[in-house]
Amino acid sequence: MSAVSLRTRYLGDAISTASPQQVLVMLYDRLTLDLERAQLALRDGRRDDAGGQLRHAQEIVFELLSSLQVDAWEGGPRLAALYNWLVAELNQAMVKHDAGRVASCLQVVEPLRDAWRQAAASLSAGAVASTA
């Protein structure tokens, strides 16, 4: 089995066995990585590479938006509005090849990723404590 096949299988297994909270953190981690890569590509003048990273970032944001249960909690509508803003900013970053817009998106995404990571860790710690 090739290294690529093994990596693909490992990632598939990691996602299929992850909790919903862990999947959310994985999505945010990849979104952050896509934005960092796009920013670097734009700085280096690699517009095609940046476009691919930004399109993938948009796909992740669309997934986050589609899975968001807006009515489940009072912050839902604000988070949906933030996701819609991210989609619009990423689109403008692609059209205008604007690393500054990507940086703005990163400034929003990184604290959200960190907050979701902390929330997922708290839920995991609580689950472990309740089974002990």
N, C-alpha and C. Protein backbone atom coordinates (compact mmCIF):
# COMPACT_ATOMS: atom_id res chain seq x y z
N MET A 1 0.85 -1.18 0.00
CA MET A 1 0.00 0.00 0.00
C MET A 1 0.89 1.23 0.00
N SER A 2 0.58 2.21 -0.83
CA SER A 2 1.41 3.41 -0.94
C SER A 2 1.23 4.32 0.27
N ALA A 3 2.18 5.23 0.43
CA ALA A 3 2.12 6.18 1.55
C ALA A 3 0.87 7.05 1.45
N VAL A 4 0.50 7.44 0.24
CA VAL A 4 -0.69 8.27 0.05
C VAL A 4 -1.94 7.50 0.45
N SER A 5 -2.01 6.22 0.06
CA SER A 5 -3.16 5.39 0.41
C SER A 5 -3.26 5.20 1.93
N LEU A 6 -2.12 4.99 2.56
CA LEU A 6 -2.12 4.83 4.01
C LEU A 6 -2.57 6.11 4.71
N ARG A 7 -2.08 7.25 4.22
CA ARG A 7 -2.48 8.53 4.82
C ARG A 7 -3.97 8.76 4.65
N THR A 8 -4.48 8.48 3.45
CA THR A 8 -5.91 8.66 3.19
C THR A 8 -6.74 7.75 4.09
N ARG A 9 -6.31 6.52 4.23
CA ARG A 9 -7.03 5.58 5.10
C ARG A 9 -6.98 6.05 6.55
N TYR A 10 -5.81 6.49 7.01
CA TYR A 10 -5.67 6.98 8.38
C TYR A 10 -6.59 8.17 8.62
N LEU A 11 -6.61 9.13 7.70
CA LEU A 11 -7.47 10.30 7.86
C LEU A 11 -8.95 9.91 7.87
N GLY A 12 -9.30 8.99 6.99
CA GLY A 12 -10.68 8.51 6.97
C GLY A 12 -11.08 7.85 8.27
N ASP A 13 -10.18 7.02 8.81
CA ASP A 13 -10.44 6.37 10.09
C ASP A 13 -10.54 7.39 11.22
N ALA A 14 -9.65 8.40 11.20
CA ALA A 14 -9.66 9.42 12.25
C ALA A 14 -10.98 10.18 12.25
N ILE A 15 -11.47 10.50 11.08
CA ILE A 15 -12.73 11.26 10.98
C ILE A 15 -13.92 10.38 11.36
N SER A 16 -13.92 9.14 10.89
CA SER A 16 -15.08 8.28 11.16
C SER A 16 -15.20 7.88 12.63
N THR A 17 -14.10 7.92 13.37
CA THR A 17 -14.14 7.56 14.79
C THR A 17 -14.16 8.77 15.71
N ALA A 18 -14.09 9.96 15.14
CA ALA A 18 -14.06 11.18 15.95
C ALA A 18 -15.47 11.55 16.42
N SER A 19 -15.52 12.21 17.57
CA SER A 19 -16.78 12.74 18.06
C SER A 19 -17.16 13.96 17.21
N PRO A 20 -18.41 14.37 17.24
CA PRO A 20 -18.80 15.58 16.50
C PRO A 20 -17.96 16.79 16.90
N GLN A 21 -17.61 16.90 18.17
CA GLN A 21 -16.78 18.02 18.63
C GLN A 21 -15.38 17.95 18.02
N GLN A 22 -14.83 16.74 17.94
CA GLN A 22 -13.51 16.57 17.35
C GLN A 22 -13.52 16.87 15.86
N VAL A 23 -14.59 16.49 15.17
CA VAL A 23 -14.71 16.78 13.74
C VAL A 23 -14.76 18.29 13.54
N LEU A 24 -15.50 18.98 14.38
CA LEU A 24 -15.57 20.44 14.29
C LEU A 24 -14.19 21.06 14.45
N VAL A 25 -13.43 20.60 15.42
CA VAL A 25 -12.07 21.11 15.63
C VAL A 25 -11.20 20.79 14.42
N MET A 26 -11.35 19.59 13.85
CA MET A 26 -10.58 19.22 12.65
C MET A 26 -10.90 20.16 11.50
N LEU A 27 -12.17 20.49 11.34
CA LEU A 27 -12.55 21.42 10.27
C LEU A 27 -11.92 22.79 10.49
N TYR A 28 -11.96 23.28 11.71
CA TYR A 28 -11.34 24.57 12.01
C TYR A 28 -9.83 24.52 11.83
N ASP A 29 -9.20 23.41 12.20
CA ASP A 29 -7.75 23.28 12.00
C ASP A 29 -7.42 23.35 10.51
N ARG A 30 -8.19 22.64 9.70
CA ARG A 30 -7.92 22.65 8.26
C ARG A 30 -8.25 24.00 7.65
N LEU A 31 -9.30 24.66 8.12
CA LEU A 31 -9.64 25.99 7.64
C LEU A 31 -8.48 26.95 7.92
N THR A 32 -7.93 26.88 9.11
CA THR A 32 -6.80 27.73 9.47
C THR A 32 -5.61 27.43 8.57
N LEU A 33 -5.33 26.16 8.35
CA LEU A 33 -4.21 25.78 7.49
C LEU A 33 -4.42 26.29 6.07
N ASP A 34 -5.63 26.14 5.54
CA ASP A 34 -5.93 26.64 4.20
C ASP A 34 -5.69 28.15 4.11
N LEU A 35 -6.13 28.88 5.12
CA LEU A 35 -5.94 30.33 5.10
C LEU A 35 -4.47 30.71 5.19
N GLU A 36 -3.73 30.01 6.03
CA GLU A 36 -2.29 30.29 6.14
C GLU A 36 -1.59 30.00 4.82
N ARG A 37 -1.93 28.89 4.19
CA ARG A 37 -1.32 28.54 2.90
C ARG A 37 -1.70 29.54 1.82
N ALA A 38 -2.96 29.97 1.81
CA ALA A 38 -3.41 30.95 0.81
C ALA A 38 -2.68 32.28 1.00
N GLN A 39 -2.54 32.69 2.23
CA GLN A 39 -1.85 33.95 2.51
C GLN A 39 -0.40 33.89 2.01
N LEU A 40 0.27 32.80 2.29
CA LEU A 40 1.65 32.63 1.85
C LEU A 40 1.73 32.59 0.32
N ALA A 41 0.81 31.87 -0.31
CA ALA A 41 0.80 31.78 -1.77
C ALA A 41 0.58 33.15 -2.40
N LEU A 42 -0.33 33.94 -1.83
CA LEU A 42 -0.56 35.29 -2.36
C LEU A 42 0.67 36.16 -2.20
N ARG A 43 1.31 36.07 -1.06
CA ARG A 43 2.54 36.85 -0.84
C ARG A 43 3.64 36.47 -1.83
N ASP A 44 3.65 35.17 -2.22
CA ASP A 44 4.68 34.68 -3.14
C ASP A 44 4.27 34.83 -4.61
N GLY A 45 3.07 35.38 -4.83
CA GLY A 45 2.60 35.58 -6.20
C GLY A 45 2.05 34.32 -6.87
N ARG A 46 1.75 33.30 -6.10
CA ARG A 46 1.21 32.04 -6.63
C ARG A 46 -0.32 32.08 -6.54
N ARG A 47 -0.92 32.81 -7.45
CA ARG A 47 -2.37 33.04 -7.41
C ARG A 47 -3.18 31.76 -7.57
N ASP A 48 -2.74 30.86 -8.44
CA ASP A 48 -3.49 29.61 -8.63
C ASP A 48 -3.50 28.77 -7.35
N ASP A 49 -2.34 28.67 -6.71
CA ASP A 49 -2.27 27.92 -5.45
C ASP A 49 -3.16 28.57 -4.39
N ALA A 50 -3.10 29.89 -4.32
CA ALA A 50 -3.93 30.60 -3.35
C ALA A 50 -5.41 30.37 -3.63
N GLY A 51 -5.79 30.40 -4.90
CA GLY A 51 -7.19 30.18 -5.27
C GLY A 51 -7.68 28.81 -4.82
N GLY A 52 -6.86 27.79 -4.99
CA GLY A 52 -7.24 26.45 -4.56
C GLY A 52 -7.43 26.37 -3.06
N GLN A 53 -6.53 26.99 -2.32
CA GLN A 53 -6.64 27.00 -0.86
C GLN A 53 -7.88 27.77 -0.41
N LEU A 54 -8.14 28.89 -1.06
CA LEU A 54 -9.30 29.71 -0.68
C LEU A 54 -10.61 29.01 -1.03
N ARG A 55 -10.64 28.31 -2.16
CA ARG A 55 -11.85 27.55 -2.51
C ARG A 55 -12.11 26.45 -1.47
N HIS A 56 -11.04 25.77 -1.07
CA HIS A 56 -11.21 24.72 -0.06
C HIS A 56 -11.67 25.33 1.26
N ALA A 57 -11.12 26.48 1.62
CA ALA A 57 -11.54 27.17 2.84
C ALA A 57 -13.03 27.51 2.77
N GLN A 58 -13.48 27.97 1.60
CA GLN A 58 -14.91 28.28 1.44
C GLN A 58 -15.75 27.02 1.60
N GLU A 59 -15.30 25.91 1.06
CA GLU A 59 -16.05 24.66 1.20
C GLU A 59 -16.20 24.29 2.67
N ILE A 60 -15.15 24.50 3.44
CA ILE A 60 -15.23 24.21 4.87
C ILE A 60 -16.23 25.13 5.55
N VAL A 61 -16.18 26.40 5.22
CA VAL A 61 -17.11 27.35 5.84
C VAL A 61 -18.55 27.01 5.44
N PHE A 62 -18.76 26.62 4.18
CA PHE A 62 -20.10 26.19 3.76
C PHE A 62 -20.56 24.97 4.57
N GLU A 63 -19.64 24.05 4.81
CA GLU A 63 -19.98 22.86 5.62
C GLU A 63 -20.33 23.28 7.05
N LEU A 64 -19.53 24.17 7.62
CA LEU A 64 -19.81 24.66 8.98
C LEU A 64 -21.18 25.33 9.03
N LEU A 65 -21.46 26.13 8.01
CA LEU A 65 -22.74 26.85 7.96
C LEU A 65 -23.91 25.88 7.79
N SER A 66 -23.75 24.91 6.92
CA SER A 66 -24.86 23.98 6.67
C SER A 66 -25.14 23.07 7.87
N SER A 67 -24.13 22.80 8.67
CA SER A 67 -24.33 21.94 9.83
C SER A 67 -24.72 22.71 11.09
N LEU A 68 -24.68 24.03 11.01
CA LEU A 68 -25.02 24.86 12.17
C LEU A 68 -26.52 24.82 12.43
N GLN A 69 -26.87 24.51 13.65
CA GLN A 69 -28.28 24.55 14.05
C GLN A 69 -28.52 25.92 14.67
N VAL A 70 -28.92 26.83 13.81
CA VAL A 70 -29.03 28.25 14.19
C VAL A 70 -29.97 28.45 15.38
N ASP A 71 -31.05 27.70 15.44
CA ASP A 71 -32.04 27.90 16.49
C ASP A 71 -31.71 27.13 17.78
N ALA A 72 -30.62 26.38 17.79
CA ALA A 72 -30.31 25.54 18.95
C ALA A 72 -29.75 26.34 20.12
N TRP A 73 -29.23 27.52 19.86
CA TRP A 73 -28.66 28.34 20.94
C TRP A 73 -28.67 29.80 20.50
N GLU A 74 -28.60 30.68 21.47
CA GLU A 74 -28.78 32.11 21.17
C GLU A 74 -27.67 32.69 20.30
N GLY A 75 -26.48 32.09 20.30
CA GLY A 75 -25.38 32.59 19.47
C GLY A 75 -25.43 32.08 18.04
N GLY A 76 -26.35 31.18 17.74
CA GLY A 76 -26.45 30.59 16.40
C GLY A 76 -26.58 31.60 15.27
N PRO A 77 -27.51 32.54 15.36
CA PRO A 77 -27.65 33.51 14.28
C PRO A 77 -26.39 34.37 14.07
N ARG A 78 -25.71 34.72 15.15
CA ARG A 78 -24.48 35.52 15.02
C ARG A 78 -23.37 34.71 14.36
N LEU A 79 -23.28 33.42 14.73
CA LEU A 79 -22.28 32.57 14.12
C LEU A 79 -22.58 32.36 12.63
N ALA A 80 -23.85 32.19 12.29
CA ALA A 80 -24.24 32.06 10.88
C ALA A 80 -23.86 33.32 10.10
N ALA A 81 -24.11 34.47 10.70
CA ALA A 81 -23.74 35.73 10.04
C ALA A 81 -22.23 35.82 9.85
N LEU A 82 -21.48 35.36 10.84
CA LEU A 82 -20.02 35.36 10.74
C LEU A 82 -19.56 34.43 9.62
N TYR A 83 -20.16 33.25 9.53
CA TYR A 83 -19.80 32.32 8.45
C TYR A 83 -20.11 32.94 7.08
N ASN A 84 -21.25 33.62 6.96
CA ASN A 84 -21.59 34.29 5.70
C ASN A 84 -20.59 35.39 5.37
N TRP A 85 -20.15 36.12 6.38
CA TRP A 85 -19.11 37.15 6.18
C TRP A 85 -17.82 36.50 5.69
N LEU A 86 -17.45 35.38 6.31
CA LEU A 86 -16.22 34.68 5.89
C LEU A 86 -16.31 34.26 4.43
N VAL A 87 -17.43 33.71 4.02
CA VAL A 87 -17.60 33.31 2.62
C VAL A 87 -17.41 34.50 1.69
N ALA A 88 -18.03 35.63 2.03
CA ALA A 88 -17.92 36.83 1.20
C ALA A 88 -16.47 37.34 1.16
N GLU A 89 -15.80 37.34 2.31
CA GLU A 89 -14.41 37.80 2.36
C GLU A 89 -13.48 36.88 1.58
N LEU A 90 -13.70 35.59 1.70
CA LEU A 90 -12.88 34.64 0.95
C LEU A 90 -13.09 34.80 -0.54
N ASN A 91 -14.32 35.05 -0.94
CA ASN A 91 -14.61 35.30 -2.35
C ASN A 91 -13.87 36.54 -2.84
N GLN A 92 -13.93 37.61 -2.07
CA GLN A 92 -13.24 38.84 -2.45
C GLN A 92 -11.72 38.65 -2.46
N ALA A 93 -11.22 37.87 -1.53
CA ALA A 93 -9.78 37.59 -1.50
C ALA A 93 -9.36 36.86 -2.77
N MET A 94 -10.21 35.94 -3.26
CA MET A 94 -9.90 35.23 -4.50
C MET A 94 -9.94 36.16 -5.70
N VAL A 95 -10.98 36.97 -5.75
CA VAL A 95 -11.16 37.85 -6.91
C VAL A 95 -10.07 38.91 -6.97
N LYS A 96 -9.75 39.47 -5.81
CA LYS A 96 -8.80 40.60 -5.77
C LYS A 96 -7.37 40.18 -5.41
N HIS A 97 -7.18 38.88 -5.17
CA HIS A 97 -5.85 38.37 -4.77
C HIS A 97 -5.33 39.18 -3.59
N ASP A 98 -6.16 39.26 -2.56
CA ASP A 98 -5.92 40.16 -1.43
C ASP A 98 -5.52 39.38 -0.18
N ALA A 99 -4.22 39.39 0.10
CA ALA A 99 -3.71 38.70 1.30
C ALA A 99 -4.22 39.37 2.57
N GLY A 100 -4.52 40.66 2.52
CA GLY A 100 -5.04 41.36 3.69
C GLY A 100 -6.40 40.82 4.12
N ARG A 101 -7.23 40.50 3.16
CA ARG A 101 -8.55 39.92 3.48
C ARG A 101 -8.38 38.53 4.10
N VAL A 102 -7.40 37.79 3.58
CA VAL A 102 -7.14 36.46 4.15
C VAL A 102 -6.67 36.62 5.59
N ALA A 103 -5.82 37.61 5.83
CA ALA A 103 -5.35 37.86 7.20
C ALA A 103 -6.51 38.22 8.12
N SER A 104 -7.46 39.00 7.62
CA SER A 104 -8.65 39.34 8.42
C SER A 104 -9.45 38.10 8.76
N CYS A 105 -9.57 37.20 7.80
CA CYS A 105 -10.29 35.95 8.05
C CYS A 105 -9.57 35.12 9.11
N LEU A 106 -8.25 35.07 9.00
CA LEU A 106 -7.47 34.32 9.99
C LEU A 106 -7.66 34.89 11.39
N GLN A 107 -7.74 36.21 11.49
CA GLN A 107 -7.92 36.85 12.80
C GLN A 107 -9.26 36.48 13.42
N VAL A 108 -10.22 36.11 12.60
CA VAL A 108 -11.52 35.68 13.10
C VAL A 108 -11.53 34.18 13.37
N VAL A 109 -10.95 33.42 12.48
CA VAL A 109 -11.02 31.95 12.55
C VAL A 109 -10.17 31.39 13.69
N GLU A 110 -8.97 31.93 13.90
CA GLU A 110 -8.09 31.35 14.92
C GLU A 110 -8.69 31.38 16.32
N PRO A 111 -9.26 32.50 16.78
CA PRO A 111 -9.88 32.48 18.12
C PRO A 111 -11.09 31.54 18.19
N LEU A 112 -11.85 31.44 17.10
CA LEU A 112 -12.98 30.50 17.08
C LEU A 112 -12.47 29.07 17.19
N ARG A 113 -11.42 28.75 16.42
CA ARG A 113 -10.84 27.40 16.49
C ARG A 113 -10.38 27.10 17.91
N ASP A 114 -9.70 28.05 18.52
CA ASP A 114 -9.20 27.84 19.88
C ASP A 114 -10.35 27.64 20.87
N ALA A 115 -11.42 28.40 20.70
CA ALA A 115 -12.58 28.27 21.59
C ALA A 115 -13.26 26.91 21.41
N TRP A 116 -13.43 26.46 20.16
CA TRP A 116 -14.04 25.16 19.92
C TRP A 116 -13.14 24.05 20.44
N ARG A 117 -11.83 24.22 20.28
CA ARG A 117 -10.89 23.20 20.79
C ARG A 117 -11.02 23.09 22.30
N GLN A 118 -11.10 24.23 22.98
CA GLN A 118 -11.22 24.24 24.43
C GLN A 118 -12.56 23.62 24.86
N ALA A 119 -13.62 23.95 24.14
CA ALA A 119 -14.93 23.39 24.46
C ALA A 119 -14.94 21.87 24.27
N ALA A 120 -14.33 21.40 23.18
CA ALA A 120 -14.26 19.96 22.93
C ALA A 120 -13.45 19.25 24.01
N ALA A 121 -12.36 19.88 24.44
CA ALA A 121 -11.54 19.29 25.49
C ALA A 121 -12.32 19.23 26.80
N SER A 122 -13.09 20.28 27.09
CA SER A 122 -13.89 20.29 28.32
C SER A 122 -14.95 19.19 28.29
N LEU A 123 -15.60 19.02 27.12
CA LEU A 123 -16.60 17.96 26.98
C LEU A 123 -15.96 16.59 27.15
N SER A 124 -14.79 16.40 26.57
CA SER A 124 -14.09 15.11 26.70
C SER A 124 -13.70 14.86 28.14
N ALA A 125 -13.20 15.88 28.81
CA ALA A 125 -12.80 15.74 30.22
C ALA A 125 -14.02 15.42 31.08
N GLY A 126 -15.14 16.06 30.79
CA GLY A 126 -16.37 15.78 31.52
C GLY A 126 -16.88 14.37 31.31
N ALA A 127 -16.76 13.88 30.07
CA ALA A 127 -17.18 12.53 29.77
C ALA A 127 -16.31 11.50 30.49
N VAL A 128 -15.02 11.75 30.53
CA VAL A 128 -14.09 10.85 31.23
C VAL A 128 -14.38 10.85 32.72
N ALA A 129 -14.61 12.04 33.27
CA ALA A 129 -14.88 12.16 34.71
C ALA A 129 -16.18 11.44 35.09
N SER A 130 -17.18 11.52 34.23
CA SER A 130 -18.46 10.89 34.55
C SER A 130 -18.42 9.36 34.45
N THR A 131 -17.45 8.82 33.72
CA THR A 131 -17.33 7.37 33.61
C THR A 131 -16.37 6.80 34.65
N ALA A 132 -15.67 7.66 35.36
CA ALA A 132 -14.69 7.19 36.36
C ALA A 132 -15.34 6.83 37.67
